[in-house]
Amino acid sequence: MRLLEEVQGSTLLLLAQGNATDGHLLSRTPPPLRSRVHFQPFLDVRRHLARIRQCDLALDTYGISGHTTSANYLWGGVPIVTSASSSWAGRVTSSLLAALAVSCPTALLGIARSESDFLDVARRLARSARGAAGRKRRLLDELRACMAGGSGGREEGGEARLNRLFDSQRWVEGWERVLRMMLESKGSSVDPLHIVMAWGS
């Protein structure tokens, strides 16, 4: 709500639950801001991905972060702001961004270190989205290119260009190398190998 108050013209999209949750959330929203909170219906995957590509920025939840949801936004080239918690379930989005950062360090900007840092980063990016084309949007546009693999944006038809995070062929080849290393080390007299599959290799 603080971002809605501070970023003129911004709107918040939430997935409609179809129960009392929607009304409860809206009741906790200051009356002047309620018209800028929009509950979106469930859609099939293709239409859902097309919808989220229209967003400028995604805000992750704390405690239990986005999993498939965050992957969908990154697949669509939408920057995410997250703050990792101490549990594995609260670090999935930050792990996704860290994987992207191997080839595009700008992705690390989306990993906040505290609640105040989360608000600062989100405010900066949201205000960038509200700015006209030019310098004010440069940071957000750089992040969008980063989400799309640093290849300069989207393919014809709106599909995000494949980024490293979603390069399944490359991941499979790396996994096969690890399996071969495990087989080759079987029965050797050396100490057991501790193999790390580095996504950036």
Protein backbone atom coordinates (compact mmCIF):
# COMPACT_ATOMS: atom_id res chain seq x y z
CA MET A 1 0.00 0.00 0.00
CA ARG A 2 2.88 2.36 0.69
CA LEU A 3 4.05 1.99 -2.89
CA LEU A 4 0.57 2.76 -4.22
CA GLU A 5 0.56 5.91 -2.11
CA GLU A 6 4.03 7.00 -3.17
CA VAL A 7 4.03 6.06 -6.87
CA GLN A 8 1.51 8.16 -8.73
CA GLY A 9 -0.61 6.24 -11.24
CA SER A 10 0.51 2.83 -10.05
CA THR A 11 -1.87 -0.14 -9.74
CA LEU A 12 -1.67 -3.42 -7.87
CA LEU A 13 -2.78 -6.67 -9.52
CA LEU A 14 -3.66 -9.64 -7.31
CA LEU A 15 -4.96 -13.07 -8.26
CA ALA A 16 -8.59 -13.33 -7.21
CA GLN A 17 -9.27 -16.12 -4.72
CA GLY A 18 -13.04 -16.01 -5.09
CA ASN A 19 -13.68 -16.05 -1.36
CA ALA A 20 -13.61 -13.79 1.68
CA THR A 21 -9.86 -13.24 1.22
CA ASP A 22 -10.40 -10.70 -1.57
CA GLY A 23 -12.83 -8.63 0.48
CA HIS A 24 -10.58 -8.81 3.53
CA LEU A 25 -7.58 -7.53 1.59
CA LEU A 26 -9.62 -4.74 0.07
CA SER A 27 -11.01 -3.73 3.46
CA ARG A 28 -7.45 -3.22 4.71
CA THR A 29 -6.70 -0.92 1.78
CA PRO A 30 -7.16 2.83 2.40
CA PRO A 31 -10.35 3.96 0.61
CA PRO A 32 -8.57 6.39 -1.76
CA LEU A 33 -6.44 3.51 -3.07
CA ARG A 34 -9.10 0.83 -3.49
CA SER A 35 -9.83 1.71 -7.12
CA ARG A 36 -6.17 0.94 -7.93
CA VAL A 37 -6.27 -2.62 -6.55
CA HIS A 38 -7.46 -5.08 -9.20
CA PHE A 39 -8.26 -8.74 -8.61
CA GLN A 40 -7.52 -10.82 -11.70
CA PRO A 41 -9.34 -14.09 -12.57
CA PHE A 42 -7.62 -17.43 -13.08
CA LEU A 43 -6.73 -18.01 -16.75
CA ASP A 44 -5.20 -20.83 -18.75
CA VAL A 45 -1.40 -20.78 -18.84
CA ARG A 46 -1.00 -19.12 -22.25
CA ARG A 47 -3.36 -16.24 -21.43
CA HIS A 48 -1.89 -15.92 -17.93
CA LEU A 49 1.64 -15.52 -19.34
CA ALA A 50 0.39 -12.99 -21.87
CA ARG A 51 -1.24 -11.03 -19.03
CA ILE A 52 1.77 -10.88 -16.75
CA ARG A 53 3.96 -9.63 -19.61
CA GLN A 54 1.97 -6.41 -19.38
CA CYS A 55 3.25 -5.83 -15.85
CA ASP A 56 6.19 -3.53 -15.15
CA LEU A 57 7.25 -5.10 -11.88
CA ALA A 58 6.51 -8.12 -9.68
CA LEU A 59 6.70 -7.97 -5.88
CA ASP A 60 7.56 -11.25 -4.18
CA THR A 61 6.02 -12.43 -0.92
CA TYR A 62 8.14 -12.78 2.22
CA GLY A 63 8.39 -16.00 4.22
CA ILE A 64 7.29 -18.25 1.38
CA SER A 65 8.52 -16.76 -1.86
CA GLY A 66 7.18 -17.33 -5.34
CA HIS A 67 8.11 -20.62 -7.00
CA THR A 68 6.26 -21.25 -10.27
CA THR A 69 4.83 -17.74 -10.03
CA SER A 70 8.30 -16.17 -9.97
CA ALA A 71 9.47 -18.41 -12.80
CA ASN A 72 6.47 -17.28 -14.85
CA TYR A 73 7.33 -13.61 -14.35
CA LEU A 74 10.98 -14.15 -15.24
CA TRP A 75 9.93 -16.18 -18.29
CA GLY A 76 7.81 -13.20 -19.31
CA GLY A 77 10.72 -10.78 -18.85
CA VAL A 78 9.21 -9.05 -15.81
CA PRO A 79 11.66 -7.89 -13.10
CA ILE A 80 11.04 -9.18 -9.57
CA VAL A 81 11.90 -7.69 -6.19
CA THR A 82 12.33 -10.24 -3.41
CA SER A 83 13.70 -10.52 0.11
CA ALA A 84 15.02 -13.95 1.08
CA SER A 85 14.00 -15.50 4.41
CA SER A 86 15.84 -18.16 6.42
CA SER A 87 13.87 -21.13 5.05
CA TRP A 88 14.45 -22.75 1.65
CA ALA A 89 10.86 -21.98 0.67
CA GLY A 90 11.59 -18.30 1.20
CA ARG A 91 14.72 -18.29 -0.95
CA VAL A 92 13.46 -19.73 -4.25
CA THR A 93 13.00 -16.40 -6.01
CA SER A 94 16.37 -15.09 -4.83
CA SER A 95 17.95 -18.33 -6.11
CA LEU A 96 16.34 -17.79 -9.51
CA LEU A 97 17.68 -14.24 -9.64
CA ALA A 98 21.12 -15.41 -8.54
CA ALA A 99 21.13 -17.95 -11.38
CA LEU A 100 20.29 -15.19 -13.85
CA ALA A 101 23.01 -13.00 -12.36
CA VAL A 102 25.70 -15.40 -13.64
CA SER A 103 25.19 -13.94 -17.10
CA CYS A 104 23.45 -10.71 -16.08
CA PRO A 105 24.65 -9.18 -12.76
CA THR A 106 21.85 -6.58 -12.92
CA ALA A 107 19.45 -9.31 -11.74
CA LEU A 108 20.97 -9.07 -8.24
CA LEU A 109 19.34 -5.66 -7.90
CA GLY A 110 16.06 -7.49 -7.26
CA ILE A 111 17.36 -9.22 -4.10
CA ALA A 112 16.67 -6.90 -1.16
CA ARG A 113 18.58 -7.24 2.11
CA SER A 114 15.90 -5.90 4.41
CA GLU A 115 12.31 -4.66 4.46
CA SER A 116 13.43 -1.07 3.99
CA ASP A 117 15.73 -2.10 1.14
CA PHE A 118 12.82 -3.99 -0.47
CA LEU A 119 10.70 -0.83 -0.39
CA ASP A 120 13.54 1.32 -1.69
CA VAL A 121 14.26 -0.95 -4.65
CA ALA A 122 10.57 -1.46 -5.46
CA ARG A 123 9.89 2.30 -5.23
CA ARG A 124 12.82 3.09 -7.51
CA LEU A 125 11.74 0.58 -10.16
CA ALA A 126 8.07 1.49 -9.91
CA ARG A 127 8.85 5.16 -10.40
CA SER A 128 11.06 4.22 -13.32
CA ALA A 129 8.09 2.43 -14.87
CA ARG A 130 5.93 5.52 -14.45
CA GLY A 131 8.51 7.70 -16.20
CA ALA A 132 8.39 8.53 -19.87
CA ALA A 133 10.59 6.72 -22.35
CA GLY A 134 14.17 7.83 -21.89
CA ARG A 135 16.47 8.11 -18.88
CA LYS A 136 13.74 7.50 -16.31
CA ARG A 137 12.92 4.09 -17.80
CA ARG A 138 16.50 3.04 -18.52
CA LEU A 139 16.98 0.99 -15.34
CA LEU A 140 13.72 -0.90 -15.80
CA ASP A 141 14.45 -1.54 -19.47
CA GLU A 142 17.89 -2.87 -18.57
CA LEU A 143 16.31 -5.26 -16.09
CA ARG A 144 13.75 -6.43 -18.65
CA ALA A 145 16.56 -7.18 -21.09
CA CYS A 146 18.34 -9.01 -18.27
CA MET A 147 15.30 -11.16 -17.53
CA ALA A 148 15.19 -12.02 -21.23
CA GLY A 149 18.79 -13.16 -21.18
CA GLY A 150 20.47 -9.91 -22.05
CA SER A 151 19.60 -10.45 -25.69
CA GLY A 152 17.76 -7.21 -26.16
CA GLY A 153 14.11 -7.90 -25.36
CA ARG A 154 11.42 -10.03 -26.93
CA GLU A 155 10.82 -12.06 -30.02
CA GLU A 156 8.12 -11.15 -32.50
CA GLY A 157 4.73 -11.85 -30.96
CA GLY A 158 5.81 -10.87 -27.44
CA GLU A 159 7.63 -14.06 -26.46
CA ALA A 160 10.63 -13.36 -24.24
CA ARG A 161 13.91 -14.54 -25.72
CA LEU A 162 15.23 -17.64 -23.92
CA ASN A 163 17.40 -16.73 -20.97
CA ARG A 164 19.96 -18.90 -19.26
CA LEU A 165 17.58 -19.84 -16.48
CA PHE A 166 15.25 -21.58 -18.93
CA ASP A 167 17.90 -23.14 -21.18
CA SER A 168 16.82 -26.74 -20.53
CA GLN A 169 19.21 -28.20 -23.09
CA ARG A 170 22.17 -26.58 -21.39
CA TRP A 171 20.99 -27.80 -17.98
CA VAL A 172 20.59 -31.38 -19.24
CA GLU A 173 24.09 -31.35 -20.73
CA GLY A 174 25.50 -30.16 -17.41
CA TRP A 175 23.57 -32.82 -15.49
CA GLU A 176 24.85 -35.52 -17.85
CA ARG A 177 28.43 -34.36 -17.21
CA VAL A 178 27.85 -34.70 -13.47
CA LEU A 179 26.46 -38.23 -13.89
CA ARG A 180 29.48 -39.24 -16.00
CA MET A 181 31.81 -37.89 -13.32
CA MET A 182 29.96 -39.93 -10.69
CA LEU A 183 30.23 -43.12 -12.75
CA GLU A 184 33.90 -42.56 -13.53
CA SER A 185 34.71 -42.06 -9.85
CA LYS A 186 32.87 -45.24 -8.80
CA GLY A 187 35.23 -47.81 -7.34
CA SER A 188 38.21 -45.46 -7.29
CA SER A 189 40.51 -45.37 -4.30
CA VAL A 190 40.17 -41.62 -3.86
CA ASP A 191 37.84 -40.06 -1.33
CA PRO A 192 34.21 -39.59 -2.46
CA LEU A 193 33.77 -36.63 -4.79
CA HIS A 194 31.65 -33.66 -3.79
CA ILE A 195 30.33 -32.43 -7.11
CA VAL A 196 28.84 -28.98 -7.52
CA MET A 197 26.86 -28.35 -10.68
CA ALA A 198 27.71 -24.71 -11.41
CA TRP A 199 25.07 -23.11 -13.61
CA GLY A 200 27.57 -20.60 -14.92
CA SER A 201 29.99 -23.23 -16.26
